[in-house]
């Protein structure tokens, strides 16, 4: 599965082109399924939008 910002794409039906210069961050998450030994890998592409850049530059102090 592929997610770009908040939109999840079904690659069986969608063809997308994403320039590497537009990618801020790539997050890979493994999602367990009910089938043993079968997991879904979710690739989240965070793009360089002003909101995402501001969010990435925010320092959180706990």
Protein backbone atom coordinates (compact mmCIF):
# COMPACT_ATOMS: atom_id res chain seq x y z
CA UNK A 1 0.00 0.00 0.00
CA UNK A 2 1.15 3.52 -0.71
CA UNK A 3 0.15 6.71 1.07
CA UNK A 4 1.08 10.20 -0.12
CA UNK A 5 0.49 12.72 2.67
CA UNK A 6 -3.02 11.78 3.84
CA UNK A 7 -4.20 10.02 0.67
CA UNK A 8 -3.96 6.23 0.43
CA UNK A 9 -3.54 4.97 -3.14
CA UNK A 10 -4.63 1.61 -4.49
CA UNK A 11 -1.82 0.74 -6.87
CA UNK A 12 -3.98 -1.73 -8.78
CA UNK A 13 -5.89 1.22 -10.21
CA UNK A 14 -3.64 4.27 -9.77
CA UNK A 15 -0.41 5.22 -11.45
CA UNK A 16 1.43 8.02 -9.76
CA UNK A 17 4.63 9.85 -10.51
CA UNK A 18 6.47 11.49 -7.62
CA UNK A 19 9.69 13.41 -8.10
CA UNK A 20 12.33 12.61 -5.48
CA UNK A 21 12.89 16.37 -5.04
CA UNK A 22 9.31 16.62 -3.69
CA UNK A 23 9.76 13.97 -0.97
CA UNK A 24 10.42 15.25 2.55
CA UNK A 25 10.30 11.88 4.30
CA UNK A 26 9.55 8.23 3.60
CA UNK A 27 8.08 6.11 6.39
CA UNK A 28 7.76 2.34 6.01
CA UNK A 29 5.37 0.56 8.38
CA UNK A 30 4.72 -3.16 8.56
CA UNK A 31 1.11 -3.98 9.38
CA UNK A 32 0.39 -7.48 10.70
CA UNK A 33 -2.46 -9.45 9.15
CA UNK A 34 -4.47 -12.41 10.33
CA UNK A 35 -2.55 -14.71 7.97
CA UNK A 36 0.58 -16.08 9.59
CA UNK A 37 3.74 -14.84 7.91
CA UNK A 38 1.87 -12.32 5.76
CA UNK A 39 2.24 -8.64 6.56
CA UNK A 40 1.31 -5.53 4.61
CA UNK A 41 4.00 -2.91 4.09
CA UNK A 42 2.67 0.64 4.05
CA UNK A 43 4.92 3.20 2.34
CA UNK A 44 4.07 6.74 3.49
CA UNK A 45 5.54 9.52 1.38
CA UNK A 46 5.50 12.90 3.12
CA UNK A 47 5.85 15.63 0.49
CA UNK A 48 7.47 19.05 0.80
CA UNK A 49 4.35 21.14 1.33
CA UNK A 50 4.67 24.28 3.49
CA UNK A 51 2.56 22.64 6.22
CA UNK A 52 4.68 19.47 6.27
CA UNK A 53 7.95 21.44 6.32
CA UNK A 54 6.71 23.53 9.26
CA UNK A 55 5.61 20.38 11.07
CA UNK A 56 9.00 18.70 10.45
CA UNK A 57 10.89 21.75 11.75
CA UNK A 58 8.86 21.97 14.96
CA UNK A 59 10.82 20.91 18.03
CA UNK A 60 8.78 19.12 20.69
CA UNK A 61 9.92 19.42 24.29
CA UNK A 62 8.37 17.08 26.83
